[in-house]
Amino acid sequence: MSLFRTELRRLAKRRIARWMTVGGLVVLVLVAAGMFLTNHKIGPEQLAEARRQIDRQHQEQVRWADQERANCERVKAAGETADHYPVDCAQITAPPRESFDEQWFLPPTFDFRASFGEMLIPLAAILAMVGFVVGASFVGAEWSTGAMMNLLLWRPKRLTVLLTKLGALLTGLLALALPATAAWFGSMWLVANLRGTTEGMTSGTWQSFLIGGLRGIVLALVAATVGFALASLGRHTAMALGGAVAVMVVGQVGLGILLAMAQVRFAEAWLLPTYAMAWMTKKVTLQDWQACDATYTGQCEPATLDITWQHSSVLFTVGIVLFLGSALWMMRRRDIT
């Protein structure tokens, strides 16, 4: 019997894998439903209503300006002190009708070309969370229940067993992530057709969105690998989950507060979410408002630091090599001793 197929079946039968998959898909469905319910199609009726609201707003501003100008003239004529009025009461005028933008009064609408790139971020986050938890439990439960020892009696090659488990985990995650990503594309496209617009789409835009979807899948695979490696190192699921909580709560929140108190420049550059965001959006620009970069026009612009997807890829690669390499080394060391 193939060890790989056996591990795939073992992964599919794990309750936490099923429940995490169902939970992640339910969250995605709720997000898609929320996008559908909170956005609206912009048509002639919505534009006409927006123009009517502009007219009402403009008329209210005209009435307010006329009333305030009359009050100003009355106060000036009575010789009273009125510091809140200008010297010339004629300066109190209503804004012109053209200064009101129709976009201010239109209901929210989903522009696929402008907004779908941002919608790939929650998809990647949910897939990464599912991958991390399932990856940690997949090998952690094997160690804590003693099933790993029984398996090694059948296949005593420990590194082969561990890497086969990892391969089955990543294959199963791909089997979930690929259709989920395709369904996410389809659902957001449907929302844009029914509650927004799909205008302006080009082949280059589609290519950029597809690459963004692949980035999200890669992020999920990295998270699953790290969770798998941490649980293998600690021989328990709690090792990975506890480590994740420690890193996010103590290492990230605490470190962020400490860096802010110390007024460290570009403190976000030390936080993992910055690199995850840079991986998904290609670049995150950090600003330091305590520094000044003078321009040719004499303006003072904040100093900036760009975190790119290349920086994120280096960090992810180092993390995988460190954690997975340590897990394999410990497995091999146990095999020798």
C-alpha atoms as a PDB file:
ATOM      1  CA  MET A   1       0.000   0.000   0.000  1.00  0.00           C
ATOM      2  CA  SER A   2       1.307   3.463  -0.886  1.00  0.00           C
ATOM      3  CA  LEU A   3       2.326   5.514   2.145  1.00  0.00           C
ATOM      4  CA  PHE A   4       1.358   8.727   0.349  1.00  0.00           C
ATOM      5  CA  ARG A   5      -2.199   7.541  -0.395  1.00  0.00           C
ATOM      6  CA  THR A   6      -2.497   6.286   3.174  1.00  0.00           C
ATOM      7  CA  GLU A   7      -1.506   9.695   4.533  1.00  0.00           C
ATOM      8  CA  LEU A   8      -3.957  11.429   2.215  1.00  0.00           C
ATOM      9  CA  ARG A   9      -6.786   9.262   3.520  1.00  0.00           C
ATOM     10  CA  ARG A  10      -5.618   9.852   7.078  1.00  0.00           C
ATOM     11  CA  LEU A  11      -5.672  13.618   6.456  1.00  0.00           C
ATOM     12  CA  ALA A  12      -9.157  13.511   4.920  1.00  0.00           C
ATOM     13  CA  LYS A  13     -10.540  11.565   7.879  1.00  0.00           C
ATOM     14  CA  ARG A  14      -9.226  13.898  10.546  1.00  0.00           C
ATOM     15  CA  ARG A  15     -12.115  15.760  12.152  1.00  0.00           C
ATOM     16  CA  ILE A  16     -10.162  18.952  12.730  1.00  0.00           C
ATOM     17  CA  ALA A  17      -9.235  19.046   9.035  1.00  0.00           C
ATOM     18  CA  ARG A  18     -12.883  18.683   8.079  1.00  0.00           C
ATOM     19  CA  TRP A  19     -14.139  21.237  10.583  1.00  0.00           C
ATOM     20  CA  MET A  20     -11.444  23.767   9.753  1.00  0.00           C
ATOM     21  CA  THR A  21     -12.213  23.362   6.062  1.00  0.00           C
ATOM     22  CA  VAL A  22     -15.935  23.812   6.639  1.00  0.00           C
ATOM     23  CA  GLY A  23     -15.327  26.761   8.947  1.00  0.00           C
ATOM     24  CA  GLY A  24     -13.031  28.496   6.472  1.00  0.00           C
ATOM     25  CA  LEU A  25     -15.474  28.002   3.617  1.00  0.00           C
ATOM     26  CA  VAL A  26     -18.360  29.292   5.742  1.00  0.00           C
ATOM     27  CA  VAL A  27     -16.405  32.454   6.537  1.00  0.00           C
ATOM     28  CA  LEU A  28     -15.695  32.997   2.846  1.00  0.00           C
ATOM     29  CA  VAL A  29     -19.373  32.502   2.013  1.00  0.00           C
ATOM     30  CA  LEU A  30     -20.368  35.032   4.683  1.00  0.00           C
ATOM     31  CA  VAL A  31     -17.858  37.566   3.338  1.00  0.00           C
ATOM     32  CA  ALA A  32     -19.177  37.097  -0.207  1.00  0.00           C
ATOM     33  CA  ALA A  33     -22.773  37.446   1.025  1.00  0.00           C
ATOM     34  CA  GLY A  34     -21.831  40.594   2.921  1.00  0.00           C
ATOM     35  CA  MET A  35     -20.270  42.058  -0.203  1.00  0.00           C
ATOM     36  CA  PHE A  36     -23.423  41.262  -2.154  1.00  0.00           C
ATOM     37  CA  LEU A  37     -25.761  42.801   0.419  1.00  0.00           C
ATOM     38  CA  THR A  38     -23.747  45.963   1.099  1.00  0.00           C
ATOM     39  CA  ASN A  39     -23.097  46.935  -2.523  1.00  0.00           C
ATOM     40  CA  HIS A  40     -25.498  48.181  -5.167  1.00  0.00           C
ATOM     41  CA  LYS A  41     -25.675  48.504  -8.918  1.00  0.00           C
ATOM     42  CA  ILE A  42     -25.351  52.107 -10.078  1.00  0.00           C
ATOM     43  CA  GLY A  43     -27.930  53.009 -12.690  1.00  0.00           C
ATOM     44  CA  PRO A  44     -30.009  55.991 -13.857  1.00  0.00           C
ATOM     45  CA  GLU A  45     -32.220  55.865 -10.760  1.00  0.00           C
ATOM     46  CA  GLN A  46     -29.270  56.015  -8.374  1.00  0.00           C
ATOM     47  CA  LEU A  47     -27.685  58.861 -10.350  1.00  0.00           C
ATOM     48  CA  ALA A  48     -30.953  60.799 -10.363  1.00  0.00           C
ATOM     49  CA  GLU A  49     -31.357  60.325  -6.603  1.00  0.00           C
ATOM     50  CA  ALA A  50     -27.785  61.491  -6.071  1.00  0.00           C
ATOM     51  CA  ARG A  51     -28.478  64.652  -8.089  1.00  0.00           C
ATOM     52  CA  ARG A  52     -31.624  65.298  -6.044  1.00  0.00           C
ATOM     53  CA  GLN A  53     -29.613  64.982  -2.847  1.00  0.00           C
ATOM     54  CA  ILE A  54     -27.028  67.373  -4.230  1.00  0.00           C
ATOM     55  CA  ASP A  55     -29.769  69.881  -5.025  1.00  0.00           C
ATOM     56  CA  ARG A  56     -31.154  69.593  -1.496  1.00  0.00           C
ATOM     57  CA  GLN A  57     -27.721  69.967   0.050  1.00  0.00           C
ATOM     58  CA  HIS A  58     -26.929  72.959  -2.135  1.00  0.00           C
ATOM     59  CA  GLN A  59     -30.222  74.653  -1.281  1.00  0.00           C
ATOM     60  CA  GLU A  60     -29.621  74.098   2.425  1.00  0.00           C
ATOM     61  CA  GLN A  61     -26.164  75.639   2.090  1.00  0.00           C
ATOM     62  CA  VAL A  62     -27.611  78.616   0.226  1.00  0.00           C
ATOM     63  CA  ARG A  63     -30.248  79.182   2.941  1.00  0.00           C
ATOM     64  CA  TRP A  64     -27.624  78.855   5.662  1.00  0.00           C
ATOM     65  CA  ALA A  65     -25.304  81.324   3.901  1.00  0.00           C
ATOM     66  CA  ASP A  66     -28.130  83.849   3.405  1.00  0.00           C
ATOM     67  CA  GLN A  67     -29.130  83.586   7.064  1.00  0.00           C
ATOM     68  CA  GLU A  68     -25.574  83.911   8.352  1.00  0.00           C
ATOM     69  CA  ARG A  69     -24.864  86.848   6.034  1.00  0.00           C
ATOM     70  CA  ALA A  70     -28.004  88.601   7.305  1.00  0.00           C
ATOM     71  CA  ASN A  71     -26.998  87.953  10.923  1.00  0.00           C
ATOM     72  CA  CYS A  72     -23.524  89.279  10.183  1.00  0.00           C
ATOM     73  CA  GLU A  73     -24.885  92.473   8.657  1.00  0.00           C
ATOM     74  CA  ARG A  74     -27.273  92.964  11.585  1.00  0.00           C
ATOM     75  CA  VAL A  75     -24.457  92.526  14.115  1.00  0.00           C
ATOM     76  CA  LYS A  76     -22.211  94.906  12.182  1.00  0.00           C
ATOM     77  CA  ALA A  77     -24.994  97.496  11.936  1.00  0.00           C
ATOM     78  CA  ALA A  78     -25.607  97.274  15.709  1.00  0.00           C
ATOM     79  CA  GLY A  79     -21.924  97.823  16.403  1.00  0.00           C
ATOM     80  CA  GLU A  80     -21.603  94.611  18.346  1.00  0.00           C
ATOM     81  CA  THR A  81     -18.412  92.585  18.518  1.00  0.00           C
ATOM     82  CA  ALA A  82     -18.562  89.442  16.368  1.00  0.00           C
ATOM     83  CA  ASP A  83     -15.172  87.801  16.026  1.00  0.00           C
ATOM     84  CA  HIS A  84     -16.669  84.695  14.423  1.00  0.00           C
ATOM     85  CA  TYR A  85     -17.843  86.704  11.416  1.00  0.00           C
ATOM     86  CA  PRO A  86     -15.505  87.978   8.656  1.00  0.00           C
ATOM     87  CA  VAL A  87     -14.813  91.664   8.207  1.00  0.00           C
ATOM     88  CA  ASP A  88     -16.820  91.719   4.976  1.00  0.00           C
ATOM     89  CA  CYS A  89     -20.166  89.948   5.410  1.00  0.00           C
ATOM     90  CA  ALA A  90     -20.345  89.477   1.643  1.00  0.00           C
ATOM     91  CA  GLN A  91     -17.686  86.803   2.002  1.00  0.00           C
ATOM     92  CA  ILE A  92     -20.257  84.473   3.526  1.00  0.00           C
ATOM     93  CA  THR A  93     -21.437  82.560   0.466  1.00  0.00           C
ATOM     94  CA  ALA A  94     -22.616  79.034  -0.263  1.00  0.00           C
ATOM     95  CA  PRO A  95     -20.346  76.662  -2.190  1.00  0.00           C
ATOM     96  CA  PRO A  96     -21.191  76.424  -5.889  1.00  0.00           C
ATOM     97  CA  ARG A  97     -23.346  73.607  -7.165  1.00  0.00           C
ATOM     98  CA  GLU A  98     -20.411  72.196  -9.139  1.00  0.00           C
ATOM     99  CA  SER A  99     -18.382  71.597  -5.974  1.00  0.00           C
ATOM    100  CA  PHE A 100     -20.695  68.755  -4.944  1.00  0.00           C
ATOM    101  CA  ASP A 101     -19.515  65.390  -6.265  1.00  0.00           C
ATOM    102  CA  GLU A 102     -22.095  62.786  -7.240  1.00  0.00           C
ATOM    103  CA  GLN A 103     -19.883  60.045  -5.805  1.00  0.00           C
ATOM    104  CA  TRP A 104     -20.555  61.390  -2.313  1.00  0.00           C
ATOM    105  CA  PHE A 105     -24.240  60.536  -2.576  1.00  0.00           C
ATOM    106  CA  LEU A 106     -24.102  57.263  -4.496  1.00  0.00           C
ATOM    107  CA  PRO A 107     -24.520  53.947  -2.631  1.00  0.00           C
ATOM    108  CA  PRO A 108     -21.437  51.709  -2.338  1.00  0.00           C
ATOM    109  CA  THR A 109     -20.730  49.656  -5.433  1.00  0.00           C
ATOM    110  CA  PHE A 110     -18.221  46.882  -6.106  1.00  0.00           C
ATOM    111  CA  ASP A 111     -15.748  47.805  -8.823  1.00  0.00           C
ATOM    112  CA  PHE A 112     -14.095  44.500  -9.713  1.00  0.00           C
ATOM    113  CA  ARG A 113     -11.009  46.039 -11.295  1.00  0.00           C
ATOM    114  CA  ALA A 114     -10.384  48.467  -8.429  1.00  0.00           C
ATOM    115  CA  SER A 115     -11.348  46.317  -5.440  1.00  0.00           C
ATOM    116  CA  PHE A 116     -10.786  42.642  -6.198  1.00  0.00           C
ATOM    117  CA  GLY A 117      -7.060  42.794  -5.437  1.00  0.00           C
ATOM    118  CA  GLU A 118      -7.890  43.743  -1.837  1.00  0.00           C
ATOM    119  CA  MET A 119     -10.410  40.899  -1.599  1.00  0.00           C
ATOM    120  CA  LEU A 120      -7.629  38.376  -2.185  1.00  0.00           C
ATOM    121  CA  ILE A 121      -6.145  39.247   1.217  1.00  0.00           C
ATOM    122  CA  PRO A 122      -8.955  37.757   3.392  1.00  0.00           C
ATOM    123  CA  LEU A 123      -8.950  34.673   1.167  1.00  0.00           C
ATOM    124  CA  ALA A 124      -5.209  34.201   1.703  1.00  0.00           C
ATOM    125  CA  ALA A 125      -5.550  34.834   5.453  1.00  0.00           C
ATOM    126  CA  ILE A 126      -8.276  32.210   5.871  1.00  0.00           C
ATOM    127  CA  LEU A 127      -6.407  29.629   3.790  1.00  0.00           C
ATOM    128  CA  ALA A 128      -3.219  30.292   5.767  1.00  0.00           C
ATOM    129  CA  MET A 129      -5.048  29.882   9.081  1.00  0.00           C
ATOM    130  CA  VAL A 130      -6.633  26.619   7.929  1.00  0.00           C
ATOM    131  CA  GLY A 131      -3.293  25.359   6.617  1.00  0.00           C
ATOM    132  CA  PHE A 132      -1.431  26.206   9.829  1.00  0.00           C
ATOM    133  CA  VAL A 133      -3.946  24.578  12.195  1.00  0.00           C
ATOM    134  CA  VAL A 134      -4.470  21.481  10.041  1.00  0.00           C
ATOM    135  CA  GLY A 135      -0.731  21.119   9.439  1.00  0.00           C
ATOM    136  CA  ALA A 136       0.019  21.342  13.146  1.00  0.00           C
ATOM    137  CA  SER A 137      -2.696  18.883  14.170  1.00  0.00           C
ATOM    138  CA  PHE A 138      -1.907  16.438  11.363  1.00  0.00           C
ATOM    139  CA  VAL A 139       1.518  15.553  12.737  1.00  0.00           C
ATOM    140  CA  GLY A 140       1.069  16.732  16.330  1.00  0.00           C
ATOM    141  CA  ALA A 141      -1.748  14.297  17.022  1.00  0.00           C
ATOM    142  CA  GLU A 142       0.331  11.470  15.558  1.00  0.00           C
ATOM    143  CA  TRP A 143       3.086  12.142  18.073  1.00  0.00           C
ATOM    144  CA  SER A 144       0.869  12.725  21.110  1.00  0.00           C
ATOM    145  CA  THR A 145      -1.252   9.578  20.584  1.00  0.00           C
ATOM    146  CA  GLY A 146       1.668   7.298  19.747  1.00  0.00           C
ATOM    147  CA  ALA A 147       0.418   6.649  16.216  1.00  0.00           C
ATOM    148  CA  MET A 148       3.721   7.880  14.829  1.00  0.00           C
ATOM    149  CA  MET A 149       5.586   5.123  16.655  1.00  0.00           C
ATOM    150  CA  ASN A 150       3.235   2.500  15.252  1.00  0.00           C
ATOM    151  CA  LEU A 151       3.695   3.902  11.764  1.00  0.00           C
ATOM    152  CA  LEU A 152       7.470   3.820  12.107  1.00  0.00           C
ATOM    153  CA  LEU A 153       7.288   0.118  12.912  1.00  0.00           C
ATOM    154  CA  TRP A 154       5.762  -0.363   9.455  1.00  0.00           C
ATOM    155  CA  ARG A 155       8.001   2.170   7.680  1.00  0.00           C
ATOM    156  CA  PRO A 156      11.136   2.671   9.814  1.00  0.00           C
ATOM    157  CA  LYS A 157      12.587   5.386   7.533  1.00  0.00           C
ATOM    158  CA  ARG A 158      11.703   8.381   9.661  1.00  0.00           C
ATOM    159  CA  LEU A 159      12.631  11.166   7.256  1.00  0.00           C
ATOM    160  CA  THR A 160      10.690   9.460   4.472  1.00  0.00           C
ATOM    161  CA  VAL A 161       7.644   9.155   6.711  1.00  0.00           C
ATOM    162  CA  LEU A 162       7.818  12.782   7.864  1.00  0.00           C
ATOM    163  CA  LEU A 163       8.325  14.203   4.364  1.00  0.00           C
ATOM    164  CA  THR A 164       5.555  11.977   2.976  1.00  0.00           C
ATOM    165  CA  LYS A 165       3.213  13.328   5.637  1.00  0.00           C
ATOM    166  CA  LEU A 166       4.208  16.855   4.670  1.00  0.00           C
ATOM    167  CA  GLY A 167       3.663  16.079   0.978  1.00  0.00           C
ATOM    168  CA  ALA A 168       0.202  14.686   1.722  1.00  0.00           C
ATOM    169  CA  LEU A 169      -0.620  17.759   3.806  1.00  0.00           C
ATOM    170  CA  LEU A 170       0.422  20.187   1.067  1.00  0.00           C
ATOM    171  CA  THR A 171      -1.391  18.145  -1.591  1.00  0.00           C
ATOM    172  CA  GLY A 172      -4.571  18.170   0.455  1.00  0.00           C
ATOM    173  CA  LEU A 173      -4.254  21.896   1.062  1.00  0.00           C
ATOM    174  CA  LEU A 174      -3.782  22.486  -2.666  1.00  0.00           C
ATOM    175  CA  ALA A 175      -6.890  20.398  -3.329  1.00  0.00           C
ATOM    176  CA  LEU A 176      -8.768  22.824  -1.072  1.00  0.00           C
ATOM    177  CA  ALA A 177      -7.061  26.095  -2.014  1.00  0.00           C
ATOM    178  CA  LEU A 178      -7.277  25.819  -5.807  1.00  0.00           C
ATOM    179  CA  PRO A 179     -11.077  25.327  -6.071  1.00  0.00           C
ATOM    180  CA  ALA A 180     -11.654  27.758  -3.203  1.00  0.00           C
ATOM    181  CA  THR A 181      -9.650  30.417  -5.036  1.00  0.00           C
ATOM    182  CA  ALA A 182     -11.490  29.703  -8.291  1.00  0.00           C
ATOM    183  CA  ALA A 183     -14.822  29.928  -6.466  1.00  0.00           C
ATOM    184  CA  TRP A 184     -13.710  33.209  -4.877  1.00  0.00           C
ATOM    185  CA  PHE A 185     -12.939  34.644  -8.300  1.00  0.00           C
ATOM    186  CA  GLY A 186     -16.341  33.505  -9.555  1.00  0.00           C
ATOM    187  CA  SER A 187     -18.292  34.811  -6.562  1.00  0.00           C
ATOM    188  CA  MET A 188     -16.644  38.245  -6.651  1.00  0.00           C
ATOM    189  CA  TRP A 189     -17.197  38.412 -10.417  1.00  0.00           C
ATOM    190  CA  LEU A 190     -20.874  37.619  -9.822  1.00  0.00           C
ATOM    191  CA  VAL A 191     -21.108  40.297  -7.132  1.00  0.00           C
ATOM    192  CA  ALA A 192     -19.521  42.805  -9.499  1.00  0.00           C
ATOM    193  CA  ASN A 193     -21.979  41.925 -12.264  1.00  0.00           C
ATOM    194  CA  LEU A 194     -25.033  42.145 -10.035  1.00  0.00           C
ATOM    195  CA  ARG A 195     -23.959  44.800  -7.519  1.00  0.00           C
ATOM    196  CA  GLY A 196     -21.203  46.744  -9.225  1.00  0.00           C
ATOM    197  CA  THR A 197     -19.235  46.903 -12.428  1.00  0.00           C
ATOM    198  CA  THR A 198     -16.672  44.845 -14.329  1.00  0.00           C
ATOM    199  CA  GLU A 199     -15.622  47.616 -16.695  1.00  0.00           C
ATOM    200  CA  GLY A 200     -11.956  48.219 -17.465  1.00  0.00           C
ATOM    201  CA  MET A 201     -10.815  44.607 -17.202  1.00  0.00           C
ATOM    202  CA  THR A 202      -7.849  43.800 -19.424  1.00  0.00           C
ATOM    203  CA  SER A 203      -5.626  40.770 -19.918  1.00  0.00           C
ATOM    204  CA  GLY A 204      -2.935  42.441 -17.810  1.00  0.00           C
ATOM    205  CA  THR A 205      -5.390  42.990 -14.964  1.00  0.00           C
ATOM    206  CA  TRP A 206      -6.504  39.365 -15.092  1.00  0.00           C
ATOM    207  CA  GLN A 207      -2.876  38.249 -15.043  1.00  0.00           C
ATOM    208  CA  SER A 208      -2.190  40.412 -11.996  1.00  0.00           C
ATOM    209  CA  PHE A 209      -5.222  38.981 -10.174  1.00  0.00           C
ATOM    210  CA  LEU A 210      -4.227  35.410 -11.028  1.00  0.00           C
ATOM    211  CA  ILE A 211      -0.723  36.010  -9.702  1.00  0.00           C
ATOM    212  CA  GLY A 212      -2.274  37.468  -6.546  1.00  0.00           C
ATOM    213  CA  GLY A 213      -4.369  34.329  -6.122  1.00  0.00           C
ATOM    214  CA  LEU A 214      -1.272  32.154  -6.518  1.00  0.00           C
ATOM    215  CA  ARG A 215       0.513  34.277  -3.926  1.00  0.00           C
ATOM    216  CA  GLY A 216      -2.307  33.571  -1.492  1.00  0.00           C
ATOM    217  CA  ILE A 217      -2.007  29.827  -2.108  1.00  0.00           C
ATOM    218  CA  VAL A 218       1.761  29.956  -1.586  1.00  0.00           C
ATOM    219  CA  LEU A 219       1.220  31.850   1.681  1.00  0.00           C
ATOM    220  CA  ALA A 220      -1.158  29.106   2.842  1.00  0.00           C
ATOM    221  CA  LEU A 221       1.398  26.418   1.935  1.00  0.00           C
ATOM    222  CA  VAL A 222       4.108  28.271   3.878  1.00  0.00           C
ATOM    223  CA  ALA A 223       1.838  28.553   6.925  1.00  0.00           C
ATOM    224  CA  ALA A 224       0.964  24.839   6.736  1.00  0.00           C
ATOM    225  CA  THR A 225       4.650  23.889   6.476  1.00  0.00           C
ATOM    226  CA  VAL A 226       5.615  26.030   9.462  1.00  0.00           C
ATOM    227  CA  GLY A 227       2.754  24.641  11.570  1.00  0.00           C
ATOM    228  CA  PHE A 228       3.715  21.106  10.573  1.00  0.00           C
ATOM    229  CA  ALA A 229       7.375  21.691  11.458  1.00  0.00           C
ATOM    230  CA  LEU A 230       6.632  23.301  14.830  1.00  0.00           C
ATOM    231  CA  ALA A 231       4.294  20.482  15.860  1.00  0.00           C
ATOM    232  CA  SER A 232       6.883  17.922  14.769  1.00  0.00           C
ATOM    233  CA  LEU A 233       9.567  19.651  16.819  1.00  0.00           C
ATOM    234  CA  GLY A 234       7.410  19.702  19.940  1.00  0.00           C
ATOM    235  CA  ARG A 235       5.747  16.348  19.264  1.00  0.00           C
ATOM    236  CA  HIS A 236       2.390  17.950  20.065  1.00  0.00           C
ATOM    237  CA  THR A 237      -0.179  20.179  18.343  1.00  0.00           C
ATOM    238  CA  ALA A 238      -0.047  22.587  21.278  1.00  0.00           C
ATOM    239  CA  MET A 239       3.590  23.328  20.449  1.00  0.00           C
ATOM    240  CA  ALA A 240       2.614  24.881  17.122  1.00  0.00           C
ATOM    241  CA  LEU A 241      -0.585  26.566  18.288  1.00  0.00           C
ATOM    242  CA  GLY A 242       1.041  27.846  21.479  1.00  0.00           C
ATOM    243  CA  GLY A 243       4.009  29.091  19.505  1.00  0.00           C
ATOM    244  CA  ALA A 244       1.708  30.904  17.087  1.00  0.00           C
ATOM    245  CA  VAL A 245      -0.180  32.566  19.947  1.00  0.00           C
ATOM    246  CA  ALA A 246       3.095  33.548  21.602  1.00  0.00           C
ATOM    247  CA  VAL A 247       4.471  35.007  18.388  1.00  0.00           C
ATOM    248  CA  MET A 248       1.325  36.958  17.512  1.00  0.00           C
ATOM    249  CA  VAL A 249       0.346  38.164  21.005  1.00  0.00           C
ATOM    250  CA  VAL A 250       3.684  38.523  22.761  1.00  0.00           C
ATOM    251  CA  GLY A 251       6.067  38.781  19.853  1.00  0.00           C
ATOM    252  CA  GLN A 252       3.982  41.017  17.603  1.00  0.00           C
ATOM    253  CA  VAL A 253       1.616  43.017  19.825  1.00  0.00           C
ATOM    254  CA  GLY A 254       4.140  43.361  22.637  1.00  0.00           C
ATOM    255  CA  LEU A 255       6.984  44.090  20.257  1.00  0.00           C
ATOM    256  CA  GLY A 256       4.866  46.669  18.430  1.00  0.00           C
ATOM    257  CA  ILE A 257       4.084  48.479  21.689  1.00  0.00           C
ATOM    258  CA  LEU A 258       7.730  48.358  22.766  1.00  0.00           C
ATOM    259  CA  LEU A 259       8.971  49.691  19.438  1.00  0.00           C
ATOM    260  CA  ALA A 260       6.377  52.476  19.503  1.00  0.00           C
ATOM    261  CA  MET A 261       7.419  53.483  23.021  1.00  0.00           C
ATOM    262  CA  ALA A 262      11.067  53.463  21.965  1.00  0.00           C
ATOM    263  CA  GLN A 263      10.147  55.528  18.871  1.00  0.00           C
ATOM    264  CA  VAL A 264      11.998  53.136  16.587  1.00  0.00           C
ATOM    265  CA  ARG A 265      11.965  54.204  12.959  1.00  0.00           C
ATOM    266  CA  PHE A 266       9.747  52.072  10.711  1.00  0.00           C
ATOM    267  CA  ALA A 267       8.604  49.874  13.597  1.00  0.00           C
ATOM    268  CA  GLU A 268       6.237  47.971  11.286  1.00  0.00           C
ATOM    269  CA  ALA A 269       9.268  46.545   9.488  1.00  0.00           C
ATOM    270  CA  TRP A 270       9.787  44.254  12.501  1.00  0.00           C
ATOM    271  CA  LEU A 271       6.267  42.804  12.405  1.00  0.00           C
ATOM    272  CA  LEU A 272       5.251  39.686  10.454  1.00  0.00           C
ATOM    273  CA  PRO A 273       1.883  41.042   9.172  1.00  0.00           C
ATOM    274  CA  THR A 274       3.803  43.706   7.249  1.00  0.00           C
ATOM    275  CA  TYR A 275       5.626  41.041   5.264  1.00  0.00           C
ATOM    276  CA  ALA A 276       2.461  39.035   4.677  1.00  0.00           C
ATOM    277  CA  MET A 277       0.792  42.179   3.339  1.00  0.00           C
ATOM    278  CA  ALA A 278       3.838  42.993   1.198  1.00  0.00           C
ATOM    279  CA  TRP A 279       3.739  39.461  -0.221  1.00  0.00           C
ATOM    280  CA  MET A 280       0.111  39.872  -1.262  1.00  0.00           C
ATOM    281  CA  THR A 281       0.260  43.486  -2.479  1.00  0.00           C
ATOM    282  CA  LYS A 282       3.841  43.367  -3.892  1.00  0.00           C
ATOM    283  CA  LYS A 283       4.920  46.386  -1.841  1.00  0.00           C
ATOM    284  CA  VAL A 284       4.162  48.110   1.453  1.00  0.00           C
ATOM    285  CA  THR A 285       5.505  51.628   1.963  1.00  0.00           C
ATOM    286  CA  LEU A 286       6.233  52.583   5.566  1.00  0.00           C
ATOM    287  CA  GLN A 287       6.445  56.237   6.580  1.00  0.00           C
ATOM    288  CA  ASP A 288       8.370  57.917   9.367  1.00  0.00           C
ATOM    289  CA  TRP A 289       6.692  61.230  10.214  1.00  0.00           C
ATOM    290  CA  GLN A 290       9.437  62.093  12.678  1.00  0.00           C
ATOM    291  CA  ALA A 291      11.932  62.475   9.825  1.00  0.00           C
ATOM    292  CA  CYS A 292      11.928  64.982   7.009  1.00  0.00           C
ATOM    293  CA  ASP A 293      13.027  64.494   3.425  1.00  0.00           C
ATOM    294  CA  ALA A 294      13.231  67.934   1.860  1.00  0.00           C
ATOM    295  CA  THR A 295      11.937  68.311  -1.709  1.00  0.00           C
ATOM    296  CA  TYR A 296      12.866  70.770  -4.443  1.00  0.00           C
ATOM    297  CA  THR A 297       9.696  72.732  -3.688  1.00  0.00           C
ATOM    298  CA  GLY A 298      10.703  73.203  -0.071  1.00  0.00           C
ATOM    299  CA  GLN A 299       8.125  70.805   1.330  1.00  0.00           C
ATOM    300  CA  CYS A 300       8.941  68.343   4.086  1.00  0.00           C
ATOM    301  CA  GLU A 301       7.954  64.794   3.158  1.00  0.00           C
ATOM    302  CA  PRO A 302       8.133  61.860   5.600  1.00  0.00           C
ATOM    303  CA  ALA A 303      10.963  59.395   5.160  1.00  0.00           C
ATOM    304  CA  THR A 304       9.807  56.133   3.576  1.00  0.00           C
ATOM    305  CA  LEU A 305      10.870  52.500   3.558  1.00  0.00           C
ATOM    306  CA  ASP A 306       9.593  49.998   0.978  1.00  0.00           C
ATOM    307  CA  ILE A 307       8.961  46.394   2.019  1.00  0.00           C
ATOM    308  CA  THR A 308       8.598  44.355  -1.188  1.00  0.00           C
ATOM    309  CA  TRP A 309       7.521  40.830  -1.973  1.00  0.00           C
ATOM    310  CA  GLN A 310      11.185  39.947  -2.450  1.00  0.00           C
ATOM    311  CA  HIS A 311      11.841  40.756   1.209  1.00  0.00           C
ATOM    312  CA  SER A 312       8.851  38.615   2.169  1.00  0.00           C
ATOM    313  CA  SER A 313      10.038  35.701   0.044  1.00  0.00           C
ATOM    314  CA  VAL A 314      13.444  35.786   1.761  1.00  0.00           C
ATOM    315  CA  LEU A 315      11.770  35.785   5.188  1.00  0.00           C
ATOM    316  CA  PHE A 316       9.453  32.899   4.262  1.00  0.00           C
ATOM    317  CA  THR A 317      12.340  30.883   2.824  1.00  0.00           C
ATOM    318  CA  VAL A 318      14.458  31.402   5.933  1.00  0.00           C
ATOM    319  CA  GLY A 319      11.513  30.422   8.131  1.00  0.00           C
ATOM    320  CA  ILE A 320      10.863  27.202   6.216  1.00  0.00           C
ATOM    321  CA  VAL A 321      14.537  26.246   6.145  1.00  0.00           C
ATOM    322  CA  LEU A 322      14.900  26.991   9.851  1.00  0.00           C
ATOM    323  CA  PHE A 323      11.786  25.237  11.170  1.00  0.00           C
ATOM    324  CA  LEU A 324      11.508  22.380   8.711  1.00  0.00           C
ATOM    325  CA  GLY A 325      15.259  21.827   8.724  1.00  0.00           C
ATOM    326  CA  SER A 326      15.224  21.667  12.531  1.00  0.00           C
ATOM    327  CA  ALA A 327      12.328  19.193  12.458  1.00  0.00           C
ATOM    328  CA  LEU A 328      14.148  16.951   9.972  1.00  0.00           C
ATOM    329  CA  TRP A 329      17.393  17.215  11.920  1.00  0.00           C
ATOM    330  CA  MET A 330      15.677  16.264  15.160  1.00  0.00           C
ATOM    331  CA  MET A 331      13.972  13.366  13.404  1.00  0.00           C
ATOM    332  CA  ARG A 332      17.287  12.188  12.003  1.00  0.00           C
ATOM    333  CA  ARG A 333      19.015  12.668  15.342  1.00  0.00           C
ATOM    334  CA  ARG A 334      16.443  10.540  17.072  1.00  0.00           C
ATOM    335  CA  ASP A 335      16.899   7.925  14.389  1.00  0.00           C
ATOM    336  CA  ILE A 336      20.673   7.773  15.016  1.00  0.00           C
ATOM    337  CA  THR A 337      20.433   7.726  18.810  1.00  0.00           C
END
